[in-house]
Amino acid sequence: MRAEEFGKRPLEMEGWTVHLISYRIGDRYVAEVEDISSGVTIARNIDEVCTVAEEHAIETAVKRLSRTRRVNLDLSLTVGG
C-alpha cells in the first residue's frame, strides 16, 4: 500500500506554527500535527473519515502544546565578560 490523497497545510496552535498533514492508506486516513521548525510529530490519529482524523489530531495537539512551556533565552549576553 502507498499513501494517497496527501495534504499538508500550516496552522497556528497555542503560539506554535505547525503543519497538519493528512493522507489515506487503504481505507483509513492518517492525520498528523508536526512542529514546522523541528519536524517533530506532536499528535497522530487514524480514522475511516479524513475530517474526523484531522479533528482528533488537532485536539490532541492543542492539549499537548498548551502544557508546553516556552522559554525565551537572551543570547546577547556573553560569558565572562
Protein backbone atom coordinates (compact mmCIF):
# COMPACT_ATOMS: atom_id res chain seq x y z
CA MET A 1 0.00 0.00 0.00
CA ARG A 2 1.04 3.56 -0.55
CA ALA A 3 -0.11 6.94 0.71
CA GLU A 4 -2.71 8.70 -1.42
CA GLU A 5 -4.68 11.96 -1.15
CA PHE A 6 -1.73 13.64 0.60
CA GLY A 7 -2.33 17.13 2.01
CA LYS A 8 -0.21 19.48 4.09
CA ARG A 9 -1.17 22.89 5.45
CA PRO A 10 0.25 25.25 8.06
CA LEU A 11 -1.74 26.10 11.21
CA GLU A 12 -1.18 28.25 14.28
CA MET A 13 -1.83 26.46 17.60
CA GLU A 14 -1.16 27.79 21.08
CA GLY A 15 1.52 30.14 19.71
CA TRP A 16 3.24 27.41 17.69
CA THR A 17 3.34 27.14 13.90
CA VAL A 18 2.62 23.55 12.88
CA HIS A 19 1.76 21.52 9.82
CA LEU A 20 -1.40 19.46 9.60
CA ILE A 21 -0.59 16.52 7.34
CA SER A 22 -3.22 14.06 6.16
CA TYR A 23 -3.18 11.13 3.77
CA ARG A 24 -5.04 7.92 3.01
CA ILE A 25 -3.58 4.43 3.24
CA GLY A 26 -6.03 1.78 2.09
CA ASP A 27 -9.40 2.62 3.61
CA ARG A 28 -8.02 4.64 6.55
CA TYR A 29 -6.94 8.26 6.86
CA VAL A 30 -3.94 9.34 8.88
CA ALA A 31 -3.68 12.87 10.26
CA GLU A 32 -0.53 14.20 11.91
CA VAL A 33 0.35 17.51 13.51
CA GLU A 34 4.06 18.31 13.37
CA ASP A 35 6.18 21.23 14.51
CA ILE A 36 7.44 23.13 11.47
CA SER A 37 10.81 24.12 12.94
CA SER A 38 11.86 20.70 14.25
CA GLY A 39 9.68 18.27 12.28
CA VAL A 40 8.61 16.54 15.50
CA THR A 41 5.23 14.81 15.37
CA ILE A 42 3.06 16.24 18.15
CA ALA A 43 -0.09 14.20 17.53
CA ARG A 44 -1.33 11.48 15.17
CA ASN A 45 -4.76 9.98 14.59
CA ILE A 46 -6.15 7.30 12.28
CA ASP A 47 -9.81 7.09 11.27
CA GLU A 48 -12.03 5.99 8.40
CA VAL A 49 -13.07 9.63 7.80
CA CYS A 50 -10.43 12.25 6.99
CA THR A 51 -12.09 15.15 8.81
CA VAL A 52 -12.53 13.07 11.98
CA ALA A 53 -8.87 12.01 11.93
CA GLU A 54 -7.81 15.65 11.49
CA GLU A 55 -10.12 16.92 14.26
CA HIS A 56 -8.83 14.38 16.78
CA ALA A 57 -5.18 15.03 15.88
CA ILE A 58 -5.75 18.78 16.28
CA GLU A 59 -7.50 18.31 19.65
CA THR A 60 -4.63 16.20 20.96
CA ALA A 61 -2.02 18.65 19.66
CA VAL A 62 -3.75 21.63 21.26
CA LYS A 63 -3.82 19.81 24.62
CA ARG A 64 -0.15 18.90 24.41
CA LEU A 65 1.01 22.31 23.18
CA SER A 66 -0.97 24.14 25.86
CA ARG A 67 1.03 22.24 28.51
CA THR A 68 4.38 23.04 26.88
CA ARG A 69 6.41 25.84 28.42
CA ARG A 70 8.32 28.21 26.18
CA VAL A 71 11.47 29.82 27.49
CA ASN A 72 12.84 32.98 25.91
CA LEU A 73 16.62 32.98 26.01
CA ASP A 74 18.62 36.19 25.77
CA LEU A 75 21.55 35.04 23.67
CA SER A 76 23.09 38.51 23.54
CA LEU A 77 24.78 38.01 26.93
CA THR A 78 28.42 36.96 26.82
CA VAL A 79 30.05 34.61 29.28
CA GLY A 80 32.91 36.01 31.35
CA GLY A 81 32.80 39.45 30.03
